[in-house]
Protein backbone atom coordinates (compact mmCIF):
# COMPACT_ATOMS: atom_id res chain seq x y z
CA MET A 1 -63.02 -110.59 -27.39
CA ASP A 2 -61.94 -108.89 -30.62
CA ARG A 3 -59.19 -106.98 -28.76
CA CYS A 4 -58.01 -110.23 -27.15
CA ARG A 5 -57.84 -111.95 -30.53
CA ARG A 6 -55.83 -109.06 -32.01
CA LEU A 7 -53.38 -109.10 -29.09
CA LEU A 8 -53.00 -112.85 -29.46
CA GLU A 9 -52.27 -112.56 -33.17
CA ARG A 10 -49.72 -109.78 -32.57
CA GLY A 11 -48.00 -111.82 -29.86
CA GLN A 12 -47.82 -114.88 -32.08
CA ALA A 13 -46.50 -112.93 -35.06
CA ARG A 14 -43.91 -110.89 -33.16
CA PRO A 15 -43.40 -111.65 -29.45
CA SER A 16 -40.87 -108.84 -29.06
CA GLY A 17 -43.38 -106.26 -30.32
CA LEU A 18 -45.92 -106.53 -27.50
CA ARG A 19 -46.08 -103.82 -24.88
CA PHE A 20 -45.99 -104.91 -21.23
CA ARG A 21 -49.52 -103.71 -20.49
CA GLU A 22 -50.74 -105.62 -23.57
CA LEU A 23 -49.11 -108.82 -22.27
CA CYS A 24 -50.89 -108.38 -18.94
CA GLU A 25 -54.18 -107.69 -20.73
CA LEU A 26 -53.70 -110.77 -22.92
CA ALA A 27 -53.13 -112.97 -19.87
CA GLU A 28 -56.28 -111.57 -18.26
CA CYS A 29 -58.26 -112.23 -21.45
CA PHE A 30 -57.61 -115.94 -20.96
CA GLY A 31 -58.47 -116.23 -17.30
CA PHE A 32 -55.23 -115.27 -15.56
CA SER A 33 -55.34 -112.76 -12.72
CA LEU A 34 -52.66 -110.75 -10.99
CA ALA A 35 -51.81 -112.70 -7.84
CA ARG A 36 -49.19 -110.31 -6.51
CA ARG A 37 -46.63 -107.73 -7.47
CA LYS A 38 -43.22 -107.44 -5.92
CA GLY A 39 -40.96 -104.81 -7.41
CA SER A 40 -40.90 -105.26 -11.15
CA HIS A 41 -42.27 -108.81 -10.95
CA HIS A 42 -45.95 -109.27 -11.79
CA ILE A 43 -47.11 -112.78 -10.88
CA TYR A 44 -50.20 -114.14 -12.66
CA LYS A 45 -52.15 -117.24 -11.74
CA ARG A 46 -55.16 -119.12 -13.09
CA ASP A 47 -57.62 -121.28 -11.20
CA GLY A 48 -57.01 -124.96 -11.91
CA PHE A 49 -53.48 -124.32 -13.22
CA ARG A 50 -50.56 -124.74 -10.83
CA THR A 51 -47.86 -122.87 -12.73
CA LEU A 52 -47.43 -119.16 -12.05
CA LEU A 53 -46.44 -116.77 -14.80
CA ASN A 54 -43.88 -114.11 -13.98
CA PHE A 55 -43.87 -110.98 -16.15
CA GLN A 56 -41.38 -108.12 -16.01
CA GLU A 57 -41.46 -104.83 -17.85
CA SER A 58 -38.44 -103.81 -19.90
CA GLY A 59 -38.66 -100.19 -21.05
CA GLY A 60 -42.43 -100.39 -21.49
CA MET A 61 -42.18 -103.56 -23.56
CA ALA A 62 -42.84 -107.17 -22.65
CA LYS A 63 -39.91 -109.55 -22.75
CA ALA A 64 -40.24 -111.80 -25.79
CA TYR A 65 -39.54 -115.01 -23.88
CA GLN A 66 -42.35 -114.19 -21.45
CA VAL A 67 -44.79 -113.67 -24.34
CA ARG A 68 -43.74 -117.05 -25.73
CA GLN A 69 -44.14 -118.57 -22.25
CA LEU A 70 -47.74 -117.31 -22.10
CA LEU A 71 -48.45 -118.67 -25.59
CA LEU A 72 -47.06 -122.10 -24.66
CA THR A 73 -49.14 -122.09 -21.50
CA LEU A 74 -52.27 -121.32 -23.52
CA GLU A 75 -51.42 -124.26 -25.79
CA GLU A 76 -50.98 -126.55 -22.76
CA LEU A 77 -54.41 -125.48 -21.52
CA GLY A 78 -55.93 -126.28 -24.91
CA ILE A 79 -56.98 -122.70 -25.54
CA LEU A 80 -54.89 -122.33 -28.70
């Protein structure tokens, strides 16, 4: 859980500084799983939560708005 907490803190401090694989790992830390992949789109879902999260890689980095979207979703779920 220590790695998850560090990734969360990095994402909160600087959303544009998170690598794509770290964004995926962070989502998985909080119960999301990869539902499907189509091209560059990675779709994550979570049991009991209807909204799907769509992540795309941009030169190895996560898109900042998608990091913020995950953080807002975690707030909605009461995790943050």
